[in-house]
Amino acid sequence: MKDDFASLFAYNRWADRRVLDACRKLTDEQYIAEPAPGWSSVRSSIVHIAVVTEGWIRALSGEAVPSFPTEAEVPTVGDAERLLDRAQRLLDDLLPTLTPERLATPQTLRGGSRTAILPPWAVLRHVVNHSTYHRGQVASKLKRLGVEPPTTDFVYWMFEQMPQQA
């Protein structure tokens, strides 16, 4: 099962990179602007992906969840990339510790005022699903802003991983 999670997070990293590359086509103003009334900015969605990922990984690692930078403290796509990289490094440190027993053993997790008892496998799947959901939102925002969103479907990542035969 650990290999499954390693693959899922390799996919997640690939998809994040593709979205960040598309975001680099935006002007600074487009990156931080709300693309339509009631819609959050591209920056807001990417920062949200990064801090939620880091928060869950820190919680699974038994670390206190720190205060995260505000959106204003993440003014560029490069800054958002560094935030995602930080979360990925924490995940890279966690993955080798994920034995089948650890993945199945419920943990008490605290986030803000909430406490939950969940097995790590469920939290890790949530992290990938959460990122996928919000990347889809970013794709809609990119399209509204005139940038063609990248394909980030899992199967396309798999196509790149597997040797193709004619």
C-alpha atoms as a PDB file:
ATOM      1  CA  MET A   1       0.000   0.000   0.000  1.00  0.00           C
ATOM      2  CA  LYS A   2       2.928   2.352   0.649  1.00  0.00           C
ATOM      3  CA  ASP A   3       3.878   2.079  -3.029  1.00  0.00           C
ATOM      4  CA  ASP A   4       0.339   3.103  -3.955  1.00  0.00           C
ATOM      5  CA  PHE A   5       0.711   6.253  -1.895  1.00  0.00           C
ATOM      6  CA  ALA A   6       4.146   6.962  -3.321  1.00  0.00           C
ATOM      7  CA  SER A   7       2.581   6.753  -6.786  1.00  0.00           C
ATOM      8  CA  LEU A   8      -0.385   8.919  -5.839  1.00  0.00           C
ATOM      9  CA  PHE A   9       1.883  11.604  -4.449  1.00  0.00           C
ATOM     10  CA  ALA A  10       4.215  11.427  -7.439  1.00  0.00           C
ATOM     11  CA  TYR A  11       1.117  12.004  -9.569  1.00  0.00           C
ATOM     12  CA  ASN A  12       0.031  14.843  -7.291  1.00  0.00           C
ATOM     13  CA  ARG A  13       3.434  16.519  -7.624  1.00  0.00           C
ATOM     14  CA  TRP A  14       3.320  16.120 -11.434  1.00  0.00           C
ATOM     15  CA  ALA A  15      -0.171  17.635 -11.616  1.00  0.00           C
ATOM     16  CA  ASP A  16       0.786  20.540  -9.331  1.00  0.00           C
ATOM     17  CA  ARG A  17       3.803  21.292 -11.545  1.00  0.00           C
ATOM     18  CA  ARG A  18       1.667  21.311 -14.674  1.00  0.00           C
ATOM     19  CA  VAL A  19      -0.789  23.734 -13.077  1.00  0.00           C
ATOM     20  CA  LEU A  20       2.019  25.983 -11.834  1.00  0.00           C
ATOM     21  CA  ASP A  21       3.524  26.043 -15.324  1.00  0.00           C
ATOM     22  CA  ALA A  22       0.175  27.202 -16.717  1.00  0.00           C
ATOM     23  CA  CYS A  23      -0.103  29.825 -13.970  1.00  0.00           C
ATOM     24  CA  ARG A  24       3.206  31.298 -15.103  1.00  0.00           C
ATOM     25  CA  LYS A  25       1.376  32.439 -18.258  1.00  0.00           C
ATOM     26  CA  LEU A  26      -0.783  34.766 -16.162  1.00  0.00           C
ATOM     27  CA  THR A  27       0.161  38.341 -15.443  1.00  0.00           C
ATOM     28  CA  ASP A  28       0.784  39.162 -11.785  1.00  0.00           C
ATOM     29  CA  GLU A  29      -2.554  40.970 -11.773  1.00  0.00           C
ATOM     30  CA  GLN A  30      -4.410  37.963 -13.187  1.00  0.00           C
ATOM     31  CA  TYR A  31      -2.758  35.628 -10.686  1.00  0.00           C
ATOM     32  CA  ILE A  32      -4.089  37.546  -7.681  1.00  0.00           C
ATOM     33  CA  ALA A  33      -7.402  38.779  -9.139  1.00  0.00           C
ATOM     34  CA  GLU A  34     -10.804  37.206  -8.639  1.00  0.00           C
ATOM     35  CA  PRO A  35     -11.694  35.997 -12.152  1.00  0.00           C
ATOM     36  CA  ALA A  36     -15.416  36.520 -11.524  1.00  0.00           C
ATOM     37  CA  PRO A  37     -17.499  37.877  -8.654  1.00  0.00           C
ATOM     38  CA  GLY A  38     -17.550  35.372  -5.828  1.00  0.00           C
ATOM     39  CA  TRP A  39     -14.622  33.367  -7.188  1.00  0.00           C
ATOM     40  CA  SER A  40     -11.359  33.309  -5.295  1.00  0.00           C
ATOM     41  CA  SER A  41      -8.104  34.031  -7.095  1.00  0.00           C
ATOM     42  CA  VAL A  42      -5.831  31.465  -8.686  1.00  0.00           C
ATOM     43  CA  ARG A  43      -3.326  32.346  -5.980  1.00  0.00           C
ATOM     44  CA  SER A  44      -5.904  31.684  -3.268  1.00  0.00           C
ATOM     45  CA  SER A  45      -6.626  28.194  -4.590  1.00  0.00           C
ATOM     46  CA  ILE A  46      -2.969  27.239  -4.932  1.00  0.00           C
ATOM     47  CA  VAL A  47      -2.055  28.564  -1.487  1.00  0.00           C
ATOM     48  CA  HIS A  48      -5.026  26.618  -0.101  1.00  0.00           C
ATOM     49  CA  ILE A  49      -3.789  23.386  -1.703  1.00  0.00           C
ATOM     50  CA  ALA A  50      -0.312  23.908  -0.253  1.00  0.00           C
ATOM     51  CA  VAL A  51      -1.289  24.788   3.310  1.00  0.00           C
ATOM     52  CA  VAL A  52      -3.922  22.065   3.617  1.00  0.00           C
ATOM     53  CA  THR A  53      -1.462  19.473   2.308  1.00  0.00           C
ATOM     54  CA  GLU A  54       1.216  20.627   4.721  1.00  0.00           C
ATOM     55  CA  GLY A  55      -1.228  20.787   7.611  1.00  0.00           C
ATOM     56  CA  TRP A  56      -2.389  17.191   7.152  1.00  0.00           C
ATOM     57  CA  ILE A  57       1.141  15.868   6.675  1.00  0.00           C
ATOM     58  CA  ARG A  58       2.336  17.654   9.810  1.00  0.00           C
ATOM     59  CA  ALA A  59      -0.645  16.287  11.731  1.00  0.00           C
ATOM     60  CA  LEU A  60       0.137  12.730  10.578  1.00  0.00           C
ATOM     61  CA  SER A  61       3.760  13.274  11.588  1.00  0.00           C
ATOM     62  CA  GLY A  62       2.680  14.313  15.078  1.00  0.00           C
ATOM     63  CA  GLU A  63       3.857  17.879  14.572  1.00  0.00           C
ATOM     64  CA  ALA A  64       1.996  20.982  15.566  1.00  0.00           C
ATOM     65  CA  VAL A  65       0.380  22.663  12.608  1.00  0.00           C
ATOM     66  CA  PRO A  66       2.074  26.048  12.280  1.00  0.00           C
ATOM     67  CA  SER A  67       0.512  29.295  11.263  1.00  0.00           C
ATOM     68  CA  PHE A  68       0.785  29.558   7.506  1.00  0.00           C
ATOM     69  CA  PRO A  69       1.606  32.538   5.341  1.00  0.00           C
ATOM     70  CA  THR A  70      -1.250  34.733   4.268  1.00  0.00           C
ATOM     71  CA  GLU A  71      -2.054  34.970   0.586  1.00  0.00           C
ATOM     72  CA  ALA A  72      -0.403  38.393   0.533  1.00  0.00           C
ATOM     73  CA  GLU A  73       2.803  36.710   1.704  1.00  0.00           C
ATOM     74  CA  VAL A  74       2.685  34.447  -1.367  1.00  0.00           C
ATOM     75  CA  PRO A  75       2.612  37.098  -4.111  1.00  0.00           C
ATOM     76  CA  THR A  76       4.031  35.087  -7.026  1.00  0.00           C
ATOM     77  CA  VAL A  77       3.702  31.684  -8.648  1.00  0.00           C
ATOM     78  CA  GLY A  78       7.315  31.041  -7.612  1.00  0.00           C
ATOM     79  CA  ASP A  79       6.401  31.706  -3.980  1.00  0.00           C
ATOM     80  CA  ALA A  80       3.465  29.304  -4.254  1.00  0.00           C
ATOM     81  CA  GLU A  81       5.776  26.716  -5.783  1.00  0.00           C
ATOM     82  CA  ARG A  82       8.113  27.022  -2.798  1.00  0.00           C
ATOM     83  CA  LEU A  83       5.153  26.509  -0.467  1.00  0.00           C
ATOM     84  CA  LEU A  84       4.103  23.368  -2.367  1.00  0.00           C
ATOM     85  CA  ASP A  85       7.720  22.156  -2.362  1.00  0.00           C
ATOM     86  CA  ARG A  86       7.853  22.541   1.421  1.00  0.00           C
ATOM     87  CA  ALA A  87       4.755  20.370   1.785  1.00  0.00           C
ATOM     88  CA  GLN A  88       6.235  17.829  -0.626  1.00  0.00           C
ATOM     89  CA  ARG A  89       9.479  17.593   1.375  1.00  0.00           C
ATOM     90  CA  LEU A  90       7.462  16.830   4.513  1.00  0.00           C
ATOM     91  CA  LEU A  91       5.601  14.157   2.597  1.00  0.00           C
ATOM     92  CA  ASP A  92       8.859  12.713   1.268  1.00  0.00           C
ATOM     93  CA  ASP A  93      10.005  12.391   4.891  1.00  0.00           C
ATOM     94  CA  LEU A  94       6.736  10.758   5.961  1.00  0.00           C
ATOM     95  CA  LEU A  95       6.385   8.166   3.183  1.00  0.00           C
ATOM     96  CA  PRO A  96       9.239   5.857   4.300  1.00  0.00           C
ATOM     97  CA  THR A  97       7.623   5.566   7.749  1.00  0.00           C
ATOM     98  CA  LEU A  98       4.301   4.304   6.412  1.00  0.00           C
ATOM     99  CA  THR A  99       4.206   0.641   7.293  1.00  0.00           C
ATOM    100  CA  PRO A 100       0.977  -1.269   6.651  1.00  0.00           C
ATOM    101  CA  GLU A 101       0.328  -1.213  10.391  1.00  0.00           C
ATOM    102  CA  ARG A 102       0.854   2.534  10.643  1.00  0.00           C
ATOM    103  CA  LEU A 103      -1.376   3.214   7.636  1.00  0.00           C
ATOM    104  CA  ALA A 104      -4.201   1.205   9.235  1.00  0.00           C
ATOM    105  CA  THR A 105      -3.882   2.462  12.822  1.00  0.00           C
ATOM    106  CA  PRO A 106      -6.229   5.357  13.570  1.00  0.00           C
ATOM    107  CA  GLN A 107      -4.558   8.507  14.867  1.00  0.00           C
ATOM    108  CA  THR A 108      -6.007  11.379  16.804  1.00  0.00           C
ATOM    109  CA  LEU A 109      -5.538  14.432  14.627  1.00  0.00           C
ATOM    110  CA  ARG A 110      -6.101  18.008  15.662  1.00  0.00           C
ATOM    111  CA  GLY A 111      -6.680  20.873  13.318  1.00  0.00           C
ATOM    112  CA  GLY A 112      -7.782  24.192  14.695  1.00  0.00           C
ATOM    113  CA  SER A 113     -10.710  23.506  17.021  1.00  0.00           C
ATOM    114  CA  ARG A 114     -11.456  20.079  15.509  1.00  0.00           C
ATOM    115  CA  THR A 115     -10.282  16.650  16.560  1.00  0.00           C
ATOM    116  CA  ALA A 116     -10.721  13.525  14.476  1.00  0.00           C
ATOM    117  CA  ILE A 117      -9.629   9.919  14.797  1.00  0.00           C
ATOM    118  CA  LEU A 118      -8.695   8.630  11.357  1.00  0.00           C
ATOM    119  CA  PRO A 119      -6.334   6.065   9.848  1.00  0.00           C
ATOM    120  CA  PRO A 120      -3.472   7.677   7.909  1.00  0.00           C
ATOM    121  CA  TRP A 121      -4.485   5.927   4.679  1.00  0.00           C
ATOM    122  CA  ALA A 122      -7.759   7.878   4.695  1.00  0.00           C
ATOM    123  CA  VAL A 123      -6.038  11.193   5.359  1.00  0.00           C
ATOM    124  CA  LEU A 124      -3.499  10.613   2.590  1.00  0.00           C
ATOM    125  CA  ARG A 125      -6.236   9.775   0.094  1.00  0.00           C
ATOM    126  CA  HIS A 126      -8.066  12.911   1.179  1.00  0.00           C
ATOM    127  CA  VAL A 127      -4.958  15.024   0.561  1.00  0.00           C
ATOM    128  CA  VAL A 128      -4.722  13.823  -3.045  1.00  0.00           C
ATOM    129  CA  ASN A 129      -8.483  14.150  -3.641  1.00  0.00           C
ATOM    130  CA  HIS A 130      -8.476  17.633  -2.111  1.00  0.00           C
ATOM    131  CA  SER A 131      -5.643  18.760  -4.354  1.00  0.00           C
ATOM    132  CA  THR A 132      -7.343  17.294  -7.418  1.00  0.00           C
ATOM    133  CA  TYR A 133     -10.583  19.093  -6.607  1.00  0.00           C
ATOM    134  CA  HIS A 134      -8.896  22.470  -6.218  1.00  0.00           C
ATOM    135  CA  ARG A 135      -6.698  22.009  -9.291  1.00  0.00           C
ATOM    136  CA  GLY A 136      -9.972  21.603 -11.180  1.00  0.00           C
ATOM    137  CA  GLN A 137     -11.091  24.951  -9.807  1.00  0.00           C
ATOM    138  CA  VAL A 138      -7.796  26.499 -10.894  1.00  0.00           C
ATOM    139  CA  ALA A 139      -8.318  25.037 -14.378  1.00  0.00           C
ATOM    140  CA  SER A 140     -11.688  26.810 -14.622  1.00  0.00           C
ATOM    141  CA  LYS A 141     -10.117  30.062 -13.472  1.00  0.00           C
ATOM    142  CA  LEU A 142      -7.257  29.746 -15.939  1.00  0.00           C
ATOM    143  CA  LYS A 143      -9.734  29.211 -18.771  1.00  0.00           C
ATOM    144  CA  ARG A 144     -11.704  32.311 -17.718  1.00  0.00           C
ATOM    145  CA  LEU A 145      -8.427  34.243 -17.738  1.00  0.00           C
ATOM    146  CA  GLY A 146      -7.547  33.081 -21.256  1.00  0.00           C
ATOM    147  CA  VAL A 147      -4.957  30.433 -20.378  1.00  0.00           C
ATOM    148  CA  GLU A 148      -5.474  26.876 -21.573  1.00  0.00           C
ATOM    149  CA  PRO A 149      -5.395  24.658 -18.481  1.00  0.00           C
ATOM    150  CA  PRO A 150      -3.168  21.602 -18.566  1.00  0.00           C
ATOM    151  CA  THR A 151      -4.407  18.046 -18.560  1.00  0.00           C
ATOM    152  CA  THR A 152      -3.866  16.684 -15.070  1.00  0.00           C
ATOM    153  CA  ASP A 153      -5.793  13.417 -15.189  1.00  0.00           C
ATOM    154  CA  PHE A 154      -4.127  10.540 -13.387  1.00  0.00           C
ATOM    155  CA  VAL A 155      -4.220   8.374 -16.503  1.00  0.00           C
ATOM    156  CA  TYR A 156      -2.059  10.904 -18.405  1.00  0.00           C
ATOM    157  CA  TRP A 157       0.523  10.738 -15.654  1.00  0.00           C
ATOM    158  CA  MET A 158       0.387   6.946 -15.980  1.00  0.00           C
ATOM    159  CA  PHE A 159       0.909   7.194 -19.747  1.00  0.00           C
ATOM    160  CA  GLU A 160       4.127   9.078 -19.032  1.00  0.00           C
ATOM    161  CA  GLN A 161       5.246   6.472 -16.484  1.00  0.00           C
ATOM    162  CA  MET A 162       4.624   3.364 -18.542  1.00  0.00           C
ATOM    163  CA  PRO A 163       6.507   2.396 -21.684  1.00  0.00           C
ATOM    164  CA  GLN A 164       4.123   2.612 -24.600  1.00  0.00           C
ATOM    165  CA  GLN A 165       4.018  -0.089 -27.228  1.00  0.00           C
ATOM    166  CA  ALA A 166       2.691   0.278 -30.749  1.00  0.00           C
END
